[in-house]
């Protein structure tokens, strides 16, 4: 199964995507295959992680924290995939909560822009935390 989902609110994710937030899904590294490797590039703005992106379309693909077993794929890339949508139906309970191995939630909540308050009001459906918060290192490790 999928171990964790985080929604990043950091300024760096906003800059590279133009989006207010960027959700990531932890996937087992061995289960991920990139079909267009010719256009896949890495950008390493800090020593913390590498960002993978497509030079063909400009899409942010993943965040790679150099974890042995885990790569963090941008959730929006999977939303049109039927296999992913079938999986999603099995992990969301009747209350709309996501049941994964580790808690889901917002990370870098302290960096969120003011528009997030306009979009969500005074609440969000996921827990919020500062810095990496709910992030679990190498979440896909078995």
C-alpha atoms as a PDB file:
ATOM      1  CA  UNK A   1       0.000   0.000   0.000  1.00  0.00           C
ATOM      2  CA  UNK A   2       0.839   3.665  -0.021  1.00  0.00           C
ATOM      3  CA  UNK A   3       2.582   4.731   3.179  1.00  0.00           C
ATOM      4  CA  UNK A   4       2.005   8.492   3.334  1.00  0.00           C
ATOM      5  CA  UNK A   5       0.632  11.622   1.686  1.00  0.00           C
ATOM      6  CA  UNK A   6       1.872  15.123   2.524  1.00  0.00           C
ATOM      7  CA  UNK A   7       0.806  18.536   1.255  1.00  0.00           C
ATOM      8  CA  UNK A   8       3.735  20.952   1.101  1.00  0.00           C
ATOM      9  CA  UNK A   9       3.171  24.649   1.779  1.00  0.00           C
ATOM     10  CA  UNK A  10       6.800  25.799   1.371  1.00  0.00           C
ATOM     11  CA  UNK A  11       7.801  28.737  -0.797  1.00  0.00           C
ATOM     12  CA  UNK A  12      10.119  26.587  -2.938  1.00  0.00           C
ATOM     13  CA  UNK A  13       7.251  24.309  -4.019  1.00  0.00           C
ATOM     14  CA  UNK A  14       5.115  27.346  -4.812  1.00  0.00           C
ATOM     15  CA  UNK A  15       7.918  28.836  -6.932  1.00  0.00           C
ATOM     16  CA  UNK A  16       8.568  25.750  -9.054  1.00  0.00           C
ATOM     17  CA  UNK A  17       4.902  24.869  -9.623  1.00  0.00           C
ATOM     18  CA  UNK A  18       3.011  28.152  -9.496  1.00  0.00           C
ATOM     19  CA  UNK A  19       0.543  26.369  -7.204  1.00  0.00           C
ATOM     20  CA  UNK A  20      -0.443  27.386  -3.686  1.00  0.00           C
ATOM     21  CA  UNK A  21       0.366  23.911  -2.323  1.00  0.00           C
ATOM     22  CA  UNK A  22       1.947  20.730  -3.643  1.00  0.00           C
ATOM     23  CA  UNK A  23       0.730  17.293  -2.517  1.00  0.00           C
ATOM     24  CA  UNK A  24       3.231  14.430  -2.584  1.00  0.00           C
ATOM     25  CA  UNK A  25       2.611  10.699  -2.338  1.00  0.00           C
ATOM     26  CA  UNK A  26       5.302   8.446  -0.879  1.00  0.00           C
ATOM     27  CA  UNK A  27       5.831   5.500  -3.203  1.00  0.00           C
ATOM     28  CA  UNK A  28       8.243   2.585  -3.008  1.00  0.00           C
ATOM     29  CA  UNK A  29      11.221   3.553  -5.160  1.00  0.00           C
ATOM     30  CA  UNK A  30      11.355   0.068  -6.702  1.00  0.00           C
ATOM     31  CA  UNK A  31       7.723   0.391  -7.872  1.00  0.00           C
ATOM     32  CA  UNK A  32       8.292   3.647  -9.796  1.00  0.00           C
ATOM     33  CA  UNK A  33       9.276   3.615 -13.468  1.00  0.00           C
ATOM     34  CA  UNK A  34       9.695   6.781 -15.481  1.00  0.00           C
ATOM     35  CA  UNK A  35       8.433   6.259 -19.019  1.00  0.00           C
ATOM     36  CA  UNK A  36       9.999   9.383 -20.549  1.00  0.00           C
ATOM     37  CA  UNK A  37      13.529   9.270 -19.152  1.00  0.00           C
ATOM     38  CA  UNK A  38      14.886  11.300 -22.076  1.00  0.00           C
ATOM     39  CA  UNK A  39      13.101  14.411 -20.748  1.00  0.00           C
ATOM     40  CA  UNK A  40      13.526  13.659 -17.021  1.00  0.00           C
ATOM     41  CA  UNK A  41      15.923  16.059 -15.313  1.00  0.00           C
ATOM     42  CA  UNK A  42      17.090  16.651 -11.771  1.00  0.00           C
ATOM     43  CA  UNK A  43      17.493  19.991 -10.077  1.00  0.00           C
ATOM     44  CA  UNK A  44      19.261  20.169  -6.735  1.00  0.00           C
ATOM     45  CA  UNK A  45      18.557  23.590  -5.199  1.00  0.00           C
ATOM     46  CA  UNK A  46      19.730  22.413  -1.750  1.00  0.00           C
ATOM     47  CA  UNK A  47      21.603  19.452  -0.318  1.00  0.00           C
ATOM     48  CA  UNK A  48      18.352  18.287   1.304  1.00  0.00           C
ATOM     49  CA  UNK A  49      16.699  16.910  -1.832  1.00  0.00           C
ATOM     50  CA  UNK A  50      16.585  16.747  -5.604  1.00  0.00           C
ATOM     51  CA  UNK A  51      13.530  17.810  -7.585  1.00  0.00           C
ATOM     52  CA  UNK A  52      12.701  15.797 -10.684  1.00  0.00           C
ATOM     53  CA  UNK A  53      10.971  17.558 -13.543  1.00  0.00           C
ATOM     54  CA  UNK A  54      10.119  17.045 -17.205  1.00  0.00           C
ATOM     55  CA  UNK A  55      11.873  19.216 -19.776  1.00  0.00           C
ATOM     56  CA  UNK A  56       9.223  18.279 -22.332  1.00  0.00           C
ATOM     57  CA  UNK A  57       6.194  19.695 -20.525  1.00  0.00           C
ATOM     58  CA  UNK A  58       7.725  21.449 -17.509  1.00  0.00           C
ATOM     59  CA  UNK A  59       5.894  19.320 -14.934  1.00  0.00           C
ATOM     60  CA  UNK A  60       7.291  18.872 -11.452  1.00  0.00           C
ATOM     61  CA  UNK A  61       7.526  15.067 -11.163  1.00  0.00           C
ATOM     62  CA  UNK A  62       8.936  14.175  -7.761  1.00  0.00           C
ATOM     63  CA  UNK A  63      10.944  15.110  -4.721  1.00  0.00           C
ATOM     64  CA  UNK A  64      13.862  12.794  -3.993  1.00  0.00           C
ATOM     65  CA  UNK A  65      15.197  12.996  -0.439  1.00  0.00           C
ATOM     66  CA  UNK A  66      17.720  10.242  -1.266  1.00  0.00           C
ATOM     67  CA  UNK A  67      15.822   7.764   0.886  1.00  0.00           C
ATOM     68  CA  UNK A  68      16.739   4.177   0.138  1.00  0.00           C
ATOM     69  CA  UNK A  69      13.174   2.938  -0.341  1.00  0.00           C
ATOM     70  CA  UNK A  70      11.010   6.001  -0.960  1.00  0.00           C
ATOM     71  CA  UNK A  71      10.423   8.597  -3.652  1.00  0.00           C
ATOM     72  CA  UNK A  72       7.800  11.346  -3.282  1.00  0.00           C
ATOM     73  CA  UNK A  73       5.710  11.673  -6.452  1.00  0.00           C
ATOM     74  CA  UNK A  74       3.625  14.781  -7.157  1.00  0.00           C
ATOM     75  CA  UNK A  75       0.058  13.650  -6.556  1.00  0.00           C
ATOM     76  CA  UNK A  76      -1.456  15.623  -9.442  1.00  0.00           C
ATOM     77  CA  UNK A  77       0.403  13.452 -11.961  1.00  0.00           C
ATOM     78  CA  UNK A  78      -1.520  10.397 -10.794  1.00  0.00           C
ATOM     79  CA  UNK A  79      -5.029  11.838 -10.696  1.00  0.00           C
ATOM     80  CA  UNK A  80      -5.943  10.733 -14.247  1.00  0.00           C
ATOM     81  CA  UNK A  81      -4.589   7.210 -13.767  1.00  0.00           C
ATOM     82  CA  UNK A  82      -7.389   4.640 -13.370  1.00  0.00           C
ATOM     83  CA  UNK A  83      -5.250   2.285 -11.271  1.00  0.00           C
ATOM     84  CA  UNK A  84      -4.548   5.138  -8.842  1.00  0.00           C
ATOM     85  CA  UNK A  85      -8.220   6.123  -8.671  1.00  0.00           C
ATOM     86  CA  UNK A  86      -9.214   2.507  -7.967  1.00  0.00           C
ATOM     87  CA  UNK A  87      -6.632   2.402  -5.165  1.00  0.00           C
ATOM     88  CA  UNK A  88      -7.903   5.697  -3.772  1.00  0.00           C
ATOM     89  CA  UNK A  89     -11.432   4.323  -3.407  1.00  0.00           C
ATOM     90  CA  UNK A  90     -10.010   1.631  -1.122  1.00  0.00           C
ATOM     91  CA  UNK A  91      -8.118   3.949   1.230  1.00  0.00           C
ATOM     92  CA  UNK A  92     -10.757   6.639   1.795  1.00  0.00           C
ATOM     93  CA  UNK A  93     -13.271   5.652   4.471  1.00  0.00           C
ATOM     94  CA  UNK A  94     -16.916   6.699   4.707  1.00  0.00           C
ATOM     95  CA  UNK A  95     -15.948   9.803   6.725  1.00  0.00           C
ATOM     96  CA  UNK A  96     -13.648  11.003   3.926  1.00  0.00           C
ATOM     97  CA  UNK A  97     -10.511  10.172   5.939  1.00  0.00           C
ATOM     98  CA  UNK A  98      -7.499   8.646   4.192  1.00  0.00           C
ATOM     99  CA  UNK A  99      -6.233   5.429   5.798  1.00  0.00           C
ATOM    100  CA  UNK A 100      -2.529   5.016   5.117  1.00  0.00           C
ATOM    101  CA  UNK A 101       0.438   3.526   6.994  1.00  0.00           C
ATOM    102  CA  UNK A 102       1.455   6.935   8.424  1.00  0.00           C
ATOM    103  CA  UNK A 103      -0.609  10.071   9.117  1.00  0.00           C
ATOM    104  CA  UNK A 104      -1.308  12.388   6.213  1.00  0.00           C
ATOM    105  CA  UNK A 105      -0.999  16.114   6.636  1.00  0.00           C
ATOM    106  CA  UNK A 106       0.272  19.517   5.646  1.00  0.00           C
ATOM    107  CA  UNK A 107       3.969  20.205   6.039  1.00  0.00           C
ATOM    108  CA  UNK A 108       5.583  23.619   6.324  1.00  0.00           C
ATOM    109  CA  UNK A 109       2.214  25.029   7.410  1.00  0.00           C
ATOM    110  CA  UNK A 110       3.999  28.065   8.844  1.00  0.00           C
ATOM    111  CA  UNK A 111       5.055  28.970   5.276  1.00  0.00           C
ATOM    112  CA  UNK A 112       1.567  28.923   3.785  1.00  0.00           C
ATOM    113  CA  UNK A 113       0.553  32.065   1.904  1.00  0.00           C
ATOM    114  CA  UNK A 114      -2.454  34.091   3.149  1.00  0.00           C
ATOM    115  CA  UNK A 115      -4.605  32.818   0.247  1.00  0.00           C
ATOM    116  CA  UNK A 116      -4.717  29.405   1.963  1.00  0.00           C
ATOM    117  CA  UNK A 117      -6.854  30.947   4.713  1.00  0.00           C
ATOM    118  CA  UNK A 118      -9.204  32.265   2.034  1.00  0.00           C
ATOM    119  CA  UNK A 119      -9.422  28.856   0.368  1.00  0.00           C
ATOM    120  CA  UNK A 120      -9.859  26.780   3.539  1.00  0.00           C
ATOM    121  CA  UNK A 121     -11.298  29.275   6.006  1.00  0.00           C
ATOM    122  CA  UNK A 122     -10.119  28.464   9.499  1.00  0.00           C
ATOM    123  CA  UNK A 123      -9.808  24.722   8.941  1.00  0.00           C
ATOM    124  CA  UNK A 124      -8.388  22.085   6.652  1.00  0.00           C
ATOM    125  CA  UNK A 125      -9.268  18.402   6.323  1.00  0.00           C
ATOM    126  CA  UNK A 126      -5.690  17.311   7.007  1.00  0.00           C
ATOM    127  CA  UNK A 127      -3.597  17.879  10.138  1.00  0.00           C
ATOM    128  CA  UNK A 128      -1.209  20.835   9.968  1.00  0.00           C
ATOM    129  CA  UNK A 129       2.359  21.050  11.262  1.00  0.00           C
ATOM    130  CA  UNK A 130       5.446  23.187  11.050  1.00  0.00           C
ATOM    131  CA  UNK A 131       8.590  22.146   9.200  1.00  0.00           C
ATOM    132  CA  UNK A 132       8.455  18.509   8.094  1.00  0.00           C
ATOM    133  CA  UNK A 133       5.818  17.712  10.731  1.00  0.00           C
ATOM    134  CA  UNK A 134       4.078  14.416   9.869  1.00  0.00           C
ATOM    135  CA  UNK A 135       6.699  13.475   7.232  1.00  0.00           C
ATOM    136  CA  UNK A 136       8.132  10.011   7.911  1.00  0.00           C
ATOM    137  CA  UNK A 137      11.667   9.409   6.657  1.00  0.00           C
ATOM    138  CA  UNK A 138      11.780   6.617   4.053  1.00  0.00           C
ATOM    139  CA  UNK A 139       8.075   5.891   4.524  1.00  0.00           C
ATOM    140  CA  UNK A 140       8.012   3.167   1.871  1.00  0.00           C
ATOM    141  CA  UNK A 141      10.531   1.035   3.762  1.00  0.00           C
ATOM    142  CA  UNK A 142       9.058  -2.400   4.393  1.00  0.00           C
END
